């Protein structure tokens, strides 16, 4: 795994972690949390598999 893919995984984890933190503080609803997770995973998978 090269550093681009590693960075992509770290960034996706950070985005999902931030969304979970916002959800726990009640600043982001459940639908928003699920949308962030789904979009992040879709984009990450797309970029990860095309490199």
N, C-alpha and C. Protein backbone atom coordinates (compact mmCIF):
# COMPACT_ATOMS: atom_id res chain seq x y z
N UNK A 1 0.86 -1.17 0.00
CA UNK A 1 0.00 0.00 0.00
C UNK A 1 0.91 1.23 0.00
N UNK A 2 0.65 2.11 -0.94
CA UNK A 2 1.49 3.31 -1.00
C UNK A 2 0.93 4.40 -0.09
N UNK A 3 1.67 5.49 0.01
CA UNK A 3 1.27 6.53 0.96
C UNK A 3 0.00 7.26 0.57
N UNK A 4 -0.36 7.25 -0.71
CA UNK A 4 -1.61 7.89 -1.13
C UNK A 4 -2.81 7.11 -0.58
N UNK A 5 -2.77 5.81 -0.71
CA UNK A 5 -3.87 4.99 -0.18
C UNK A 5 -3.93 5.05 1.34
N UNK A 6 -2.77 5.08 1.98
CA UNK A 6 -2.73 5.20 3.43
C UNK A 6 -3.33 6.52 3.88
N UNK A 7 -2.99 7.60 3.19
CA UNK A 7 -3.55 8.91 3.50
C UNK A 7 -5.05 8.95 3.27
N UNK A 8 -5.52 8.27 2.25
CA UNK A 8 -6.95 8.20 1.97
C UNK A 8 -7.69 7.50 3.11
N UNK A 9 -7.12 6.42 3.62
CA UNK A 9 -7.74 5.71 4.73
C UNK A 9 -7.74 6.55 6.00
N UNK A 10 -6.65 7.26 6.26
CA UNK A 10 -6.59 8.13 7.44
C UNK A 10 -7.60 9.27 7.34
N UNK A 11 -7.72 9.86 6.16
CA UNK A 11 -8.66 10.96 5.97
C UNK A 11 -10.10 10.49 6.12
N UNK A 12 -10.42 9.33 5.57
CA UNK A 12 -11.77 8.80 5.70
C UNK A 12 -12.09 8.52 7.16
N UNK A 13 -11.15 7.97 7.88
CA UNK A 13 -11.35 7.72 9.31
C UNK A 13 -11.55 9.00 10.10
N UNK A 14 -10.81 10.04 9.73
CA UNK A 14 -10.95 11.33 10.42
C UNK A 14 -12.31 11.96 10.15
N UNK A 15 -12.78 11.87 8.92
CA UNK A 15 -14.09 12.44 8.57
C UNK A 15 -15.20 11.71 9.31
N UNK A 16 -15.13 10.39 9.33
CA UNK A 16 -16.16 9.60 10.03
C UNK A 16 -16.07 9.85 11.53
N UNK A 17 -14.87 9.95 12.06
CA UNK A 17 -14.70 10.24 13.49
C UNK A 17 -15.28 11.60 13.86
N UNK A 18 -15.07 12.60 13.02
CA UNK A 18 -15.63 13.92 13.27
C UNK A 18 -17.16 13.88 13.22
N UNK A 19 -17.71 13.14 12.28
CA UNK A 19 -19.17 13.02 12.19
C UNK A 19 -19.74 12.34 13.43
N UNK A 20 -19.07 11.31 13.92
CA UNK A 20 -19.54 10.63 15.13
C UNK A 20 -19.46 11.57 16.33
N UNK A 21 -18.38 12.35 16.41
CA UNK A 21 -18.24 13.31 17.52
C UNK A 21 -19.36 14.36 17.47
N UNK A 22 -19.67 14.85 16.29
CA UNK A 22 -20.76 15.82 16.14
C UNK A 22 -22.10 15.21 16.49
N UNK A 23 -22.28 13.95 16.14
CA UNK A 23 -23.53 13.27 16.48
C UNK A 23 -23.66 13.09 18.00
N UNK A 24 -22.58 12.77 18.65
CA UNK A 24 -22.62 12.59 20.11
C UNK A 24 -22.88 13.90 20.84
N UNK A 25 -22.49 15.02 20.22
CA UNK A 25 -22.76 16.33 20.81
C UNK A 25 -24.12 16.87 20.38
N UNK A 26 -24.87 16.06 19.68
CA UNK A 26 -26.20 16.41 19.17
C UNK A 26 -26.18 17.58 18.20
N UNK A 27 -25.08 17.75 17.49
CA UNK A 27 -24.98 18.78 16.47
C UNK A 27 -25.27 18.22 15.08
N UNK A 28 -25.39 16.90 14.99
CA UNK A 28 -25.65 16.23 13.72
C UNK A 28 -26.64 15.10 13.98
N UNK A 29 -27.69 15.08 13.21
CA UNK A 29 -28.72 14.06 13.40
C UNK A 29 -28.28 12.70 12.88
N UNK A 30 -29.12 11.70 13.14
CA UNK A 30 -28.80 10.34 12.72
C UNK A 30 -28.75 10.22 11.21
N UNK A 31 -29.68 10.87 10.52
CA UNK A 31 -29.69 10.81 9.05
C UNK A 31 -28.43 11.47 8.48
N UNK A 32 -28.02 12.57 9.08
CA UNK A 32 -26.80 13.24 8.64
C UNK A 32 -25.57 12.38 8.88
N UNK A 33 -25.54 11.71 10.01
CA UNK A 33 -24.42 10.82 10.33
C UNK A 33 -24.33 9.69 9.31
N UNK A 34 -25.46 9.07 9.02
CA UNK A 34 -25.46 7.97 8.05
C UNK A 34 -25.10 8.46 6.65
N UNK A 35 -25.53 9.66 6.31
CA UNK A 35 -25.18 10.22 5.01
C UNK A 35 -23.68 10.47 4.90
N UNK A 36 -23.09 11.01 5.95
CA UNK A 36 -21.64 11.27 5.95
C UNK A 36 -20.87 9.96 5.83
N UNK A 37 -21.28 8.96 6.58
CA UNK A 37 -20.59 7.67 6.55
C UNK A 37 -20.71 7.03 5.18
N UNK A 38 -21.92 7.02 4.62
CA UNK A 38 -22.13 6.39 3.31
C UNK A 38 -21.34 7.12 2.21
N UNK A 39 -21.39 8.44 2.22
CA UNK A 39 -20.68 9.20 1.19
C UNK A 39 -19.18 9.03 1.32
N UNK A 40 -18.67 9.04 2.55
CA UNK A 40 -17.24 8.89 2.75
C UNK A 40 -16.76 7.51 2.31
N UNK A 41 -17.52 6.49 2.66
CA UNK A 41 -17.13 5.14 2.24
C UNK A 41 -17.21 4.97 0.73
N UNK A 42 -18.23 5.55 0.09
CA UNK A 42 -18.36 5.43 -1.35
C UNK A 42 -17.21 6.13 -2.07
N UNK A 43 -16.89 7.34 -1.66
CA UNK A 43 -15.80 8.07 -2.31
C UNK A 43 -14.47 7.41 -2.03
N UNK A 44 -14.25 6.96 -0.81
CA UNK A 44 -12.99 6.30 -0.46
C UNK A 44 -12.81 5.01 -1.25
N UNK A 45 -13.87 4.23 -1.34
CA UNK A 45 -13.78 2.97 -2.10
C UNK A 45 -13.50 3.24 -3.57
N UNK A 46 -14.16 4.24 -4.11
CA UNK A 46 -13.94 4.58 -5.51
C UNK A 46 -12.51 5.01 -5.76
N UNK A 47 -11.99 5.90 -4.94
CA UNK A 47 -10.62 6.36 -5.11
C UNK A 47 -9.60 5.28 -4.81
N UNK A 48 -9.88 4.46 -3.80
CA UNK A 48 -8.95 3.41 -3.40
C UNK A 48 -8.81 2.36 -4.50
N UNK A 49 -9.92 2.00 -5.11
CA UNK A 49 -9.89 0.94 -6.11
C UNK A 49 -9.40 1.41 -7.48
N UNK A 50 -9.46 2.71 -7.76
CA UNK A 50 -9.02 3.18 -9.07
C UNK A 50 -7.54 3.56 -9.11
N UNK A 51 -6.87 3.53 -7.98
CA UNK A 51 -5.44 3.89 -7.99
C UNK A 51 -4.58 2.68 -8.13
